[in-house]
């Protein structure tokens, strides 16, 4: 299901607590494979869809499980401080929508770099961010090692 930002806003205004999460991954996704023996375009795409879905549903444990043990947060915080802040935010802001679009993925062995547009809406904020996420393959699963906002436009409501 492809959802526009306007549809995302409408959905936020009209979503009931038990309603199905409104998550979409816009297409197309472009893939550049440097080492085809290790690359799985669908696996990285699915990982980021699951990450966005867990975030949308406020499923703290599923959301945090997408991050590698060696994930280093931006801003000089420790991983423990970052995890605590993420837990608090996901638990205190239960109504949100996350939409990922325009994804491209590049591979180099056991690393993948995904770039995408992230649309985020909650009761007090609307933002569009251009993100770069670096993932590494760990025990057969892709995990987020680094998450960078390349640019963002946000409006507080």
N, C-alpha and C. Protein backbone atom coordinates (compact mmCIF):
# COMPACT_ATOMS: atom_id res chain seq x y z
N UNK A 1 0.85 -1.16 0.00
CA UNK A 1 0.00 0.00 0.00
C UNK A 1 0.90 1.23 0.00
N UNK A 2 0.70 2.12 -0.95
CA UNK A 2 1.45 3.36 -1.04
C UNK A 2 0.62 4.47 -0.41
N UNK A 3 1.23 5.21 0.53
CA UNK A 3 0.51 6.23 1.28
C UNK A 3 1.22 7.57 1.07
N UNK A 4 0.45 8.61 0.76
CA UNK A 4 1.03 9.94 0.62
C UNK A 4 1.17 10.58 1.98
N UNK A 5 1.95 11.65 2.05
CA UNK A 5 2.09 12.37 3.32
C UNK A 5 0.74 12.91 3.76
N UNK A 6 -0.06 13.42 2.82
CA UNK A 6 -1.40 13.91 3.18
C UNK A 6 -2.24 12.78 3.76
N UNK A 7 -2.13 11.59 3.16
CA UNK A 7 -2.85 10.43 3.67
C UNK A 7 -2.34 10.03 5.04
N UNK A 8 -1.04 10.17 5.26
CA UNK A 8 -0.45 9.88 6.55
C UNK A 8 -1.02 10.81 7.62
N UNK A 9 -1.12 12.09 7.29
CA UNK A 9 -1.68 13.06 8.24
C UNK A 9 -3.14 12.76 8.53
N UNK A 10 -3.90 12.45 7.48
CA UNK A 10 -5.31 12.11 7.68
C UNK A 10 -5.42 10.87 8.56
N UNK A 11 -4.58 9.89 8.29
CA UNK A 11 -4.60 8.66 9.07
C UNK A 11 -4.30 8.91 10.54
N UNK A 12 -3.35 9.81 10.81
CA UNK A 12 -3.02 10.13 12.19
C UNK A 12 -4.21 10.78 12.88
N UNK A 13 -4.89 11.66 12.20
CA UNK A 13 -6.02 12.36 12.80
C UNK A 13 -7.20 11.43 13.06
N UNK A 14 -7.31 10.36 12.26
CA UNK A 14 -8.49 9.50 12.35
C UNK A 14 -8.20 8.09 12.86
N UNK A 15 -6.97 7.78 13.19
CA UNK A 15 -6.62 6.42 13.62
C UNK A 15 -7.11 6.16 15.03
N UNK A 16 -7.67 5.01 15.23
CA UNK A 16 -8.08 4.59 16.57
C UNK A 16 -6.95 3.80 17.18
N UNK A 17 -6.95 3.64 18.49
CA UNK A 17 -5.86 2.98 19.19
C UNK A 17 -5.64 1.55 18.71
N UNK A 18 -6.68 0.82 18.34
CA UNK A 18 -6.54 -0.56 17.90
C UNK A 18 -6.38 -0.70 16.39
N UNK A 19 -6.36 0.39 15.67
CA UNK A 19 -6.29 0.32 14.21
C UNK A 19 -4.96 -0.25 13.75
N UNK A 20 -4.95 -0.82 12.57
CA UNK A 20 -3.74 -1.36 11.96
C UNK A 20 -2.74 -0.23 11.72
N UNK A 21 -1.45 -0.46 11.99
CA UNK A 21 -0.46 0.59 11.74
C UNK A 21 -0.43 0.99 10.27
N UNK A 22 -0.20 2.27 10.05
CA UNK A 22 -0.14 2.80 8.69
C UNK A 22 1.32 2.93 8.31
N UNK A 23 1.85 1.92 7.62
CA UNK A 23 3.25 1.88 7.23
C UNK A 23 3.30 1.59 5.75
N UNK A 24 4.20 2.22 5.07
CA UNK A 24 4.35 1.94 3.64
C UNK A 24 5.80 2.09 3.25
N UNK A 25 6.17 1.38 2.24
CA UNK A 25 7.49 1.52 1.64
C UNK A 25 7.23 1.85 0.18
N UNK A 26 7.50 3.07 -0.21
CA UNK A 26 7.25 3.46 -1.60
C UNK A 26 8.26 2.79 -2.51
N UNK A 27 7.87 2.55 -3.72
CA UNK A 27 8.75 1.94 -4.71
C UNK A 27 9.08 2.98 -5.76
N UNK A 28 10.10 2.89 -6.54
CA UNK A 28 11.00 1.76 -6.62
C UNK A 28 12.15 1.84 -5.63
N UNK A 29 12.77 0.71 -5.40
CA UNK A 29 13.98 0.62 -4.60
C UNK A 29 15.09 0.27 -5.56
N UNK A 30 16.17 1.04 -5.53
CA UNK A 30 17.28 0.71 -6.42
C UNK A 30 18.37 0.04 -5.61
N UNK A 31 19.05 -0.90 -6.23
CA UNK A 31 20.09 -1.67 -5.55
C UNK A 31 21.37 -1.63 -6.36
N UNK A 32 22.46 -1.37 -5.69
CA UNK A 32 23.76 -1.43 -6.32
C UNK A 32 24.56 -2.47 -5.55
N UNK A 33 24.92 -3.54 -6.20
CA UNK A 33 25.55 -4.66 -5.51
C UNK A 33 27.04 -4.69 -5.83
N UNK A 34 27.87 -4.51 -4.79
CA UNK A 34 29.31 -4.58 -4.99
C UNK A 34 29.80 -6.02 -4.88
N UNK A 35 29.11 -6.84 -4.10
CA UNK A 35 29.51 -8.23 -3.91
C UNK A 35 28.24 -9.06 -3.83
N UNK A 36 27.80 -9.59 -4.95
CA UNK A 36 26.51 -10.27 -5.04
C UNK A 36 26.43 -11.51 -4.18
N UNK A 37 27.53 -12.11 -3.79
CA UNK A 37 27.45 -13.33 -3.00
C UNK A 37 26.95 -13.06 -1.59
N UNK A 38 27.10 -11.85 -1.08
CA UNK A 38 26.68 -11.54 0.28
C UNK A 38 25.44 -10.64 0.32
N UNK A 39 25.05 -10.09 -0.80
CA UNK A 39 23.99 -9.09 -0.81
C UNK A 39 22.63 -9.73 -0.96
N UNK A 40 21.68 -9.21 -0.21
CA UNK A 40 20.29 -9.64 -0.32
C UNK A 40 19.42 -8.40 -0.28
N UNK A 41 19.11 -7.82 -1.45
CA UNK A 41 18.34 -6.58 -1.47
C UNK A 41 17.03 -6.68 -0.70
N UNK A 42 16.34 -7.78 -0.84
CA UNK A 42 15.05 -7.93 -0.16
C UNK A 42 15.24 -7.97 1.35
N UNK A 43 16.29 -8.61 1.83
CA UNK A 43 16.52 -8.71 3.28
C UNK A 43 16.74 -7.34 3.91
N UNK A 44 17.53 -6.48 3.28
CA UNK A 44 17.76 -5.14 3.83
C UNK A 44 16.46 -4.33 3.78
N UNK A 45 15.77 -4.39 2.67
CA UNK A 45 14.49 -3.70 2.53
C UNK A 45 13.51 -4.18 3.60
N UNK A 46 13.41 -5.49 3.78
CA UNK A 46 12.50 -6.05 4.78
C UNK A 46 12.91 -5.64 6.20
N UNK A 47 14.21 -5.59 6.45
CA UNK A 47 14.70 -5.18 7.77
C UNK A 47 14.24 -3.75 8.08
N UNK A 48 14.39 -2.85 7.11
CA UNK A 48 14.01 -1.46 7.35
C UNK A 48 12.50 -1.29 7.42
N UNK A 49 11.75 -2.09 6.69
CA UNK A 49 10.28 -2.07 6.83
C UNK A 49 9.87 -2.53 8.23
N UNK A 50 10.50 -3.59 8.71
CA UNK A 50 10.18 -4.11 10.05
C UNK A 50 10.57 -3.10 11.13
N UNK A 51 11.71 -2.43 10.95
CA UNK A 51 12.16 -1.39 11.89
C UNK A 51 11.14 -0.26 11.96
N UNK A 52 10.69 0.23 10.79
CA UNK A 52 9.70 1.32 10.74
C UNK A 52 8.37 0.86 11.34
N UNK A 53 7.98 -0.37 11.07
CA UNK A 53 6.73 -0.90 11.60
C UNK A 53 6.77 -1.01 13.12
N UNK A 54 7.88 -1.50 13.67
CA UNK A 54 8.02 -1.60 15.13
C UNK A 54 7.96 -0.21 15.75
N UNK A 55 8.58 0.76 15.12
CA UNK A 55 8.56 2.14 15.60
C UNK A 55 7.14 2.67 15.57
N UNK A 56 6.43 2.45 14.48
CA UNK A 56 5.05 2.90 14.32
C UNK A 56 4.13 2.31 15.39
N UNK A 57 4.34 1.05 15.75
CA UNK A 57 3.49 0.35 16.73
C UNK A 57 3.93 0.57 18.17
N UNK A 58 5.02 1.30 18.38
CA UNK A 58 5.59 1.50 19.72
C UNK A 58 6.04 0.19 20.34
N UNK A 59 6.50 -0.75 19.51
CA UNK A 59 7.02 -2.03 19.99
C UNK A 59 8.50 -1.82 20.29
N UNK A 60 8.76 -1.39 21.51
CA UNK A 60 10.10 -0.96 21.91
C UNK A 60 11.14 -2.06 21.69
N UNK A 61 10.85 -3.27 22.15
CA UNK A 61 11.83 -4.35 22.04
C UNK A 61 12.12 -4.70 20.59
N UNK A 62 11.08 -4.79 19.75
CA UNK A 62 11.29 -5.10 18.33
C UNK A 62 12.07 -3.98 17.65
N UNK A 63 11.75 -2.73 17.99
CA UNK A 63 12.46 -1.58 17.42
C UNK A 63 13.94 -1.62 17.77
N UNK A 64 14.25 -1.79 19.05
CA UNK A 64 15.65 -1.79 19.50
C UNK A 64 16.41 -3.01 18.98
N UNK A 65 15.73 -4.10 18.73
CA UNK A 65 16.38 -5.32 18.22
C UNK A 65 16.96 -5.13 16.83
N UNK A 66 16.55 -4.08 16.13
CA UNK A 66 17.08 -3.82 14.79
C UNK A 66 18.46 -3.15 14.82
N UNK A 67 18.93 -2.77 16.00
CA UNK A 67 20.21 -2.09 16.12
C UNK A 67 21.29 -3.08 16.56
N UNK A 68 22.46 -2.96 15.95
CA UNK A 68 23.60 -3.83 16.27
C UNK A 68 24.12 -3.50 17.67
N UNK A 69 24.78 -4.48 18.27
CA UNK A 69 25.37 -4.27 19.60
C UNK A 69 26.43 -3.17 19.58
N UNK A 70 27.05 -2.96 18.42
CA UNK A 70 28.08 -1.92 18.33
C UNK A 70 27.54 -0.63 17.70
N UNK A 71 26.22 -0.44 17.69
CA UNK A 71 25.62 0.80 17.20
C UNK A 71 26.12 1.96 18.05
N UNK A 72 26.54 3.03 17.38
CA UNK A 72 27.03 4.22 18.07
C UNK A 72 26.09 5.37 17.74
N UNK A 73 25.36 5.88 18.74
CA UNK A 73 24.44 7.00 18.49
C UNK A 73 25.18 8.28 18.17
N UNK A 74 24.50 9.17 17.46
CA UNK A 74 25.07 10.50 17.19
C UNK A 74 24.91 11.37 18.43
N UNK A 75 25.60 12.47 18.46
CA UNK A 75 25.43 13.43 19.54
C UNK A 75 26.23 13.15 20.78
N UNK A 76 27.13 12.18 20.75
CA UNK A 76 28.00 11.93 21.89
C UNK A 76 27.39 11.15 23.03
N UNK A 77 26.15 10.68 22.87
CA UNK A 77 25.53 9.88 23.93
C UNK A 77 26.08 8.46 23.91
N UNK A 78 26.03 7.83 25.07
CA UNK A 78 26.39 6.42 25.11
C UNK A 78 25.22 5.62 24.55
N UNK A 79 25.49 4.37 24.20
CA UNK A 79 24.43 3.50 23.69
C UNK A 79 23.35 3.31 24.76
N UNK A 80 23.75 3.17 26.01
CA UNK A 80 22.78 2.98 27.11
C UNK A 80 21.88 4.22 27.26
N UNK A 81 22.46 5.42 27.19
CA UNK A 81 21.66 6.64 27.27
C UNK A 81 20.70 6.74 26.09
N UNK A 82 21.19 6.42 24.90
CA UNK A 82 20.36 6.45 23.69
C UNK A 82 19.20 5.46 23.82
N UNK A 83 19.49 4.24 24.28
CA UNK A 83 18.43 3.23 24.43
C UNK A 83 17.37 3.69 25.42
N UNK A 84 17.78 4.26 26.53
CA UNK A 84 16.82 4.75 27.53
C UNK A 84 15.95 5.86 26.94
N UNK A 85 16.56 6.78 26.21
CA UNK A 85 15.81 7.87 25.58
C UNK A 85 14.81 7.32 24.56
N UNK A 86 15.23 6.34 23.76
CA UNK A 86 14.33 5.74 22.76
C UNK A 86 13.17 5.01 23.45
N UNK A 87 13.46 4.27 24.51
CA UNK A 87 12.39 3.59 25.26
C UNK A 87 11.35 4.59 25.76
N UNK A 88 11.83 5.67 26.37
CA UNK A 88 10.93 6.69 26.90
C UNK A 88 10.08 7.31 25.80
N UNK A 89 10.70 7.67 24.70
CA UNK A 89 9.96 8.31 23.60
C UNK A 89 8.92 7.37 22.99
N UNK A 90 9.28 6.13 22.79
CA UNK A 90 8.33 5.19 22.18
C UNK A 90 7.16 4.89 23.12
N UNK A 91 7.42 4.91 24.42
CA UNK A 91 6.35 4.62 25.37
C UNK A 91 5.46 5.83 25.66
N UNK A 92 6.00 7.04 25.55
CA UNK A 92 5.21 8.23 25.89
C UNK A 92 4.51 8.86 24.69
N UNK A 93 4.86 8.48 23.48
CA UNK A 93 4.22 9.03 22.28
C UNK A 93 3.67 7.86 21.46
N UNK A 94 2.53 7.30 21.91
CA UNK A 94 2.01 6.10 21.26
C UNK A 94 1.39 6.32 19.89
N UNK A 95 0.99 7.54 19.56
CA UNK A 95 0.36 7.81 18.26
C UNK A 95 1.36 8.44 17.31
N UNK A 96 1.84 7.64 16.37
CA UNK A 96 2.78 8.16 15.39
C UNK A 96 2.61 7.38 14.11
N UNK A 97 3.09 7.96 13.03
CA UNK A 97 3.15 7.28 11.74
C UNK A 97 4.53 7.49 11.16
N UNK A 98 5.07 6.45 10.58
CA UNK A 98 6.38 6.51 9.95
C UNK A 98 6.22 5.97 8.54
N UNK A 99 6.70 6.72 7.57
CA UNK A 99 6.65 6.32 6.16
C UNK A 99 8.04 6.44 5.58
N UNK A 100 8.50 5.38 4.94
CA UNK A 100 9.81 5.38 4.29
C UNK A 100 9.57 5.32 2.79
N UNK A 101 10.27 6.18 2.04
CA UNK A 101 10.12 6.17 0.58
C UNK A 101 11.46 6.41 -0.08
N UNK A 102 11.48 6.23 -1.39
CA UNK A 102 12.65 6.57 -2.22
C UNK A 102 13.95 5.93 -1.72
N UNK A 103 13.90 4.65 -1.41
CA UNK A 103 15.07 3.97 -0.87
C UNK A 103 16.02 3.49 -1.97
N UNK A 104 17.30 3.65 -1.70
CA UNK A 104 18.33 3.03 -2.52
C UNK A 104 19.27 2.31 -1.57
N UNK A 105 19.80 1.17 -2.01
CA UNK A 105 20.67 0.36 -1.17
C UNK A 105 21.93 0.02 -1.95
N UNK A 106 23.08 0.21 -1.31
CA UNK A 106 24.38 -0.17 -1.90
C UNK A 106 25.01 -1.20 -0.98
N UNK A 107 25.69 -2.16 -1.57
CA UNK A 107 26.28 -3.25 -0.81
C UNK A 107 27.78 -3.29 -1.00
N UNK A 108 28.46 -3.71 0.06
CA UNK A 108 29.89 -3.97 0.00
C UNK A 108 30.16 -5.10 1.00
N UNK A 109 30.16 -6.31 0.50
CA UNK A 109 30.38 -7.46 1.38
C UNK A 109 29.29 -7.60 2.41
N UNK A 110 29.67 -7.57 3.67
CA UNK A 110 28.73 -7.74 4.78
C UNK A 110 28.12 -6.42 5.26
N UNK A 111 28.34 -5.34 4.50
CA UNK A 111 27.78 -4.03 4.83
C UNK A 111 26.80 -3.60 3.76
N UNK A 112 25.78 -2.87 4.17
CA UNK A 112 24.82 -2.27 3.24
C UNK A 112 24.58 -0.84 3.70
N UNK A 113 24.47 0.06 2.74
CA UNK A 113 24.14 1.45 3.04
C UNK A 113 22.82 1.77 2.35
N UNK A 114 21.83 2.13 3.16
CA UNK A 114 20.51 2.48 2.63
C UNK A 114 20.32 3.98 2.79
N UNK A 115 19.81 4.60 1.75
CA UNK A 115 19.43 6.02 1.79
C UNK A 115 17.96 6.08 1.47
N UNK A 116 17.22 6.88 2.24
CA UNK A 116 15.79 6.98 2.01
C UNK A 116 15.23 8.25 2.61
N UNK A 117 14.00 8.55 2.23
CA UNK A 117 13.26 9.66 2.81
C UNK A 117 12.37 9.08 3.89
N UNK A 118 12.39 9.69 5.05
CA UNK A 118 11.55 9.26 6.17
C UNK A 118 10.57 10.37 6.50
N UNK A 119 9.29 10.06 6.41
CA UNK A 119 8.23 10.98 6.81
C UNK A 119 7.74 10.51 8.17
N UNK A 120 7.72 11.42 9.13
CA UNK A 120 7.33 11.09 10.50
C UNK A 120 6.27 12.09 10.94
N UNK A 121 5.21 11.57 11.55
CA UNK A 121 4.14 12.43 12.07
C UNK A 121 3.72 11.89 13.43
N UNK A 122 3.65 12.77 14.42
CA UNK A 122 3.01 12.43 15.69
C UNK A 122 2.15 13.61 16.09
N UNK A 123 1.61 13.59 17.28
CA UNK A 123 0.66 14.63 17.69
C UNK A 123 1.30 16.01 17.79
N UNK A 124 2.64 16.09 17.87
CA UNK A 124 3.27 17.40 18.00
C UNK A 124 4.30 17.73 16.95
N UNK A 125 4.55 16.82 16.00
CA UNK A 125 5.64 17.03 15.06
C UNK A 125 5.34 16.38 13.71
N UNK A 126 5.69 17.10 12.66
CA UNK A 126 5.70 16.55 11.30
C UNK A 126 7.10 16.78 10.77
N UNK A 127 7.75 15.72 10.26
CA UNK A 127 9.09 15.93 9.72
C UNK A 127 9.33 15.04 8.49
N UNK A 128 10.17 15.56 7.64
CA UNK A 128 10.68 14.80 6.51
C UNK A 128 12.19 14.83 6.64
N UNK A 129 12.79 13.66 6.74
CA UNK A 129 14.23 13.56 6.91
C UNK A 129 14.81 12.69 5.80
N UNK A 130 15.98 13.06 5.35
CA UNK A 130 16.73 12.25 4.40
C UNK A 130 17.79 11.53 5.22
N UNK A 131 17.70 10.21 5.26
CA UNK A 131 18.55 9.42 6.15
C UNK A 131 19.50 8.52 5.37
N UNK A 132 20.61 8.25 6.03
CA UNK A 132 21.55 7.23 5.58
C UNK A 132 21.73 6.26 6.74
N UNK A 133 21.47 5.00 6.48
CA UNK A 133 21.57 3.97 7.50
C UNK A 133 22.57 2.93 7.01
N UNK A 134 23.54 2.63 7.85
CA UNK A 134 24.52 1.61 7.53
C UNK A 134 24.19 0.37 8.34
N UNK A 135 24.05 -0.74 7.63
CA UNK A 135 23.69 -2.00 8.27
C UNK A 135 24.82 -3.01 8.07
N UNK A 136 24.95 -3.93 9.01
CA UNK A 136 25.92 -5.01 8.85
C UNK A 136 25.19 -6.32 9.08
N UNK A 137 25.68 -7.34 8.41
CA UNK A 137 25.07 -8.66 8.52
C UNK A 137 25.66 -9.35 9.74
N UNK A 138 24.79 -9.71 10.67
CA UNK A 138 25.20 -10.37 11.91
C UNK A 138 24.36 -11.62 12.10
N UNK A 139 25.01 -12.77 12.14
CA UNK A 139 24.31 -14.05 12.34
C UNK A 139 23.13 -14.21 11.38
N UNK A 140 23.34 -13.81 10.14
CA UNK A 140 22.32 -13.99 9.11
C UNK A 140 21.28 -12.89 9.04
N UNK A 141 21.34 -11.89 9.93
CA UNK A 141 20.36 -10.80 9.94
C UNK A 141 21.08 -9.46 9.74
N UNK A 142 20.38 -8.52 9.11
CA UNK A 142 20.91 -7.17 8.94
C UNK A 142 20.57 -6.34 10.17
N UNK A 143 21.58 -5.68 10.74
CA UNK A 143 21.42 -4.84 11.93
C UNK A 143 21.94 -3.43 11.63
N UNK A 144 21.28 -2.43 12.21
CA UNK A 144 21.67 -1.04 12.01
C UNK A 144 22.90 -0.73 12.86
N UNK A 145 23.99 -0.30 12.20
CA UNK A 145 25.21 0.09 12.90
C UNK A 145 25.31 1.59 13.07
N UNK A 146 24.76 2.31 12.10
CA UNK A 146 24.85 3.77 12.14
C UNK A 146 23.61 4.34 11.46
N UNK A 147 23.08 5.41 12.02
CA UNK A 147 21.89 6.06 11.50
C UNK A 147 22.17 7.56 11.47
N UNK A 148 22.16 8.12 10.27
CA UNK A 148 22.51 9.53 10.12
C UNK A 148 21.40 10.28 9.41
N UNK A 149 21.03 11.43 9.94
CA UNK A 149 20.09 12.32 9.26
C UNK A 149 20.93 13.27 8.41
N UNK A 150 20.76 13.17 7.09
CA UNK A 150 21.53 14.03 6.19
C UNK A 150 20.92 15.41 6.08
N UNK A 151 19.59 15.50 6.13
CA UNK A 151 18.89 16.78 6.21
C UNK A 151 17.48 16.50 6.70
N UNK A 152 16.88 17.54 7.28
CA UNK A 152 15.54 17.36 7.84
C UNK A 152 14.78 18.68 7.80
N UNK A 153 13.49 18.55 7.52
CA UNK A 153 12.59 19.68 7.63
C UNK A 153 11.51 19.25 8.63
N UNK A 154 11.39 19.98 9.74
CA UNK A 154 10.44 19.62 10.77
C UNK A 154 9.56 20.81 11.13
N UNK A 155 8.31 20.50 11.44
CA UNK A 155 7.34 21.52 11.86
C UNK A 155 6.70 21.04 13.15
N UNK A 156 6.83 21.82 14.21
CA UNK A 156 6.17 21.51 15.49
C UNK A 156 4.72 22.00 15.36
N UNK A 157 3.81 21.17 15.87
CA UNK A 157 2.40 21.54 15.79
C UNK A 157 1.85 21.82 17.16
